[in-house]
Amino acid sequence: MTADTRPIRVLLVDDHQLLTDPLARLLSAETDIEVVGIGASVADAKQLAHERMDVVLMDYRLRTAPGPRRPGSSRSAGRAPAS
């Protein structure tokens, strides 16, 4: 990463800590990625949404809320692939 670029800021949201912890470590090892928060629920995501972020990696099927709801939004920008 050069001095004139900033890291990609990532928020992780998943109710499975066995996924988020290793993923956060993997992403944090990259010099151009910064993990700004880890949440386990939609409520956590909303609380962490005050941070400036570039990417949100969120479990589409969180048990705490149905549907494609994102922090600060009532509709999804895209659709998840059909299962």
C-alpha atoms as a PDB file:
ATOM      1  CA  MET A   1       0.000   0.000   0.000  1.00  0.00           C
ATOM      2  CA  THR A   2       1.370   3.421  -0.926  1.00  0.00           C
ATOM      3  CA  ALA A   3       1.156   6.573   1.154  1.00  0.00           C
ATOM      4  CA  ASP A   4      -1.605   8.053  -1.015  1.00  0.00           C
ATOM      5  CA  THR A   5      -3.978   5.063  -0.704  1.00  0.00           C
ATOM      6  CA  ARG A   6      -6.104   4.188   2.271  1.00  0.00           C
ATOM      7  CA  PRO A   7      -7.010   0.699   3.418  1.00  0.00           C
ATOM      8  CA  ILE A   8     -10.307  -0.925   2.496  1.00  0.00           C
ATOM      9  CA  ARG A   9     -12.418  -0.751   5.655  1.00  0.00           C
ATOM     10  CA  VAL A  10     -14.446  -3.928   6.294  1.00  0.00           C
ATOM     11  CA  LEU A  11     -17.266  -4.737   8.740  1.00  0.00           C
ATOM     12  CA  LEU A  12     -17.956  -8.441   9.401  1.00  0.00           C
ATOM     13  CA  VAL A  13     -21.404  -9.562  10.597  1.00  0.00           C
ATOM     14  CA  ASP A  14     -22.150 -13.223  11.235  1.00  0.00           C
ATOM     15  CA  ASP A  15     -23.570 -15.155  14.165  1.00  0.00           C
ATOM     16  CA  HIS A  16     -20.878 -17.836  13.854  1.00  0.00           C
ATOM     17  CA  GLN A  17     -17.733 -16.748  15.660  1.00  0.00           C
ATOM     18  CA  LEU A  18     -15.928 -19.764  14.179  1.00  0.00           C
ATOM     19  CA  LEU A  19     -16.209 -17.933  10.853  1.00  0.00           C
ATOM     20  CA  THR A  20     -15.701 -14.293  11.827  1.00  0.00           C
ATOM     21  CA  ASP A  21     -12.578 -14.700  13.998  1.00  0.00           C
ATOM     22  CA  PRO A  22     -10.399 -16.492  11.406  1.00  0.00           C
ATOM     23  CA  LEU A  23     -11.761 -14.293   8.606  1.00  0.00           C
ATOM     24  CA  ALA A  24     -10.903 -11.164  10.591  1.00  0.00           C
ATOM     25  CA  ARG A  25      -7.371 -12.470  11.208  1.00  0.00           C
ATOM     26  CA  LEU A  26      -6.956 -13.341   7.530  1.00  0.00           C
ATOM     27  CA  LEU A  27      -8.188  -9.940   6.347  1.00  0.00           C
ATOM     28  CA  SER A  28      -6.182  -8.035   8.974  1.00  0.00           C
ATOM     29  CA  ALA A  29      -2.985  -9.659   7.720  1.00  0.00           C
ATOM     30  CA  GLU A  30      -3.405  -7.764   4.460  1.00  0.00           C
ATOM     31  CA  THR A  31      -1.780  -4.332   4.470  1.00  0.00           C
ATOM     32  CA  ASP A  32      -4.549  -2.767   2.382  1.00  0.00           C
ATOM     33  CA  ILE A  33      -7.496  -4.057   4.474  1.00  0.00           C
ATOM     34  CA  GLU A  34      -8.676  -2.854   7.885  1.00  0.00           C
ATOM     35  CA  VAL A  35     -11.385  -4.711   9.822  1.00  0.00           C
ATOM     36  CA  VAL A  36     -13.364  -1.918  11.534  1.00  0.00           C
ATOM     37  CA  GLY A  37     -15.734  -4.165  13.452  1.00  0.00           C
ATOM     38  CA  ILE A  38     -17.202  -7.601  14.021  1.00  0.00           C
ATOM     39  CA  GLY A  39     -20.853  -8.110  14.893  1.00  0.00           C
ATOM     40  CA  ALA A  40     -22.947 -11.184  15.606  1.00  0.00           C
ATOM     41  CA  SER A  41     -26.407  -9.757  14.869  1.00  0.00           C
ATOM     42  CA  VAL A  42     -28.292  -7.112  12.935  1.00  0.00           C
ATOM     43  CA  ALA A  43     -28.397  -5.040  16.135  1.00  0.00           C
ATOM     44  CA  ASP A  44     -24.600  -5.238  16.353  1.00  0.00           C
ATOM     45  CA  ALA A  45     -24.320  -4.204  12.706  1.00  0.00           C
ATOM     46  CA  LYS A  46     -26.542  -1.190  13.273  1.00  0.00           C
ATOM     47  CA  GLN A  47     -24.484  -0.182  16.293  1.00  0.00           C
ATOM     48  CA  LEU A  48     -21.227  -0.551  14.353  1.00  0.00           C
ATOM     49  CA  ALA A  49     -22.621   1.238  11.278  1.00  0.00           C
ATOM     50  CA  HIS A  50     -21.485   4.614  12.623  1.00  0.00           C
ATOM     51  CA  GLU A  51     -17.964   3.648  11.519  1.00  0.00           C
ATOM     52  CA  ARG A  52     -16.988   4.617   7.997  1.00  0.00           C
ATOM     53  CA  MET A  53     -16.652   1.402   5.992  1.00  0.00           C
ATOM     54  CA  ASP A  54     -16.191   0.400   2.393  1.00  0.00           C
ATOM     55  CA  VAL A  55     -17.391  -3.206   2.574  1.00  0.00           C
ATOM     56  CA  VAL A  56     -19.855  -5.099   4.767  1.00  0.00           C
ATOM     57  CA  LEU A  57     -19.565  -8.885   4.763  1.00  0.00           C
ATOM     58  CA  MET A  58     -22.840  -9.994   6.307  1.00  0.00           C
ATOM     59  CA  ASP A  59     -24.473 -13.373   6.672  1.00  0.00           C
ATOM     60  CA  TYR A  60     -27.548 -13.160   4.454  1.00  0.00           C
ATOM     61  CA  ARG A  61     -29.419 -15.568   6.714  1.00  0.00           C
ATOM     62  CA  LEU A  62     -28.720 -14.238  10.192  1.00  0.00           C
ATOM     63  CA  ARG A  63     -31.047 -15.904  12.662  1.00  0.00           C
ATOM     64  CA  THR A  64     -31.785 -12.534  14.293  1.00  0.00           C
ATOM     65  CA  ALA A  65     -33.502 -10.979  11.264  1.00  0.00           C
ATOM     66  CA  PRO A  66     -35.066 -12.344   8.094  1.00  0.00           C
ATOM     67  CA  GLY A  67     -34.406 -10.950   4.656  1.00  0.00           C
ATOM     68  CA  PRO A  68     -31.746  -8.801   3.039  1.00  0.00           C
ATOM     69  CA  ARG A  69     -31.738  -5.922   5.537  1.00  0.00           C
ATOM     70  CA  ARG A  70     -28.567  -3.892   5.824  1.00  0.00           C
ATOM     71  CA  PRO A  71     -27.602  -1.357   8.488  1.00  0.00           C
ATOM     72  CA  GLY A  72     -29.138   2.003   7.639  1.00  0.00           C
ATOM     73  CA  SER A  73     -31.073   0.678   4.656  1.00  0.00           C
ATOM     74  CA  SER A  74     -34.493  -0.793   4.047  1.00  0.00           C
ATOM     75  CA  ARG A  75     -33.637  -2.455   0.751  1.00  0.00           C
ATOM     76  CA  SER A  76     -30.787  -4.494  -0.603  1.00  0.00           C
ATOM     77  CA  ALA A  77     -28.505  -3.277  -3.381  1.00  0.00           C
ATOM     78  CA  GLY A  78     -28.338  -6.783  -4.801  1.00  0.00           C
ATOM     79  CA  ARG A  79     -29.781 -10.228  -4.439  1.00  0.00           C
ATOM     80  CA  ALA A  80     -28.066 -13.241  -2.999  1.00  0.00           C
ATOM     81  CA  PRO A  81     -27.844 -16.224  -5.311  1.00  0.00           C
ATOM     82  CA  ALA A  82     -30.729 -18.672  -5.068  1.00  0.00           C
ATOM     83  CA  SER A  83     -29.966 -21.732  -2.991  1.00  0.00           C
END
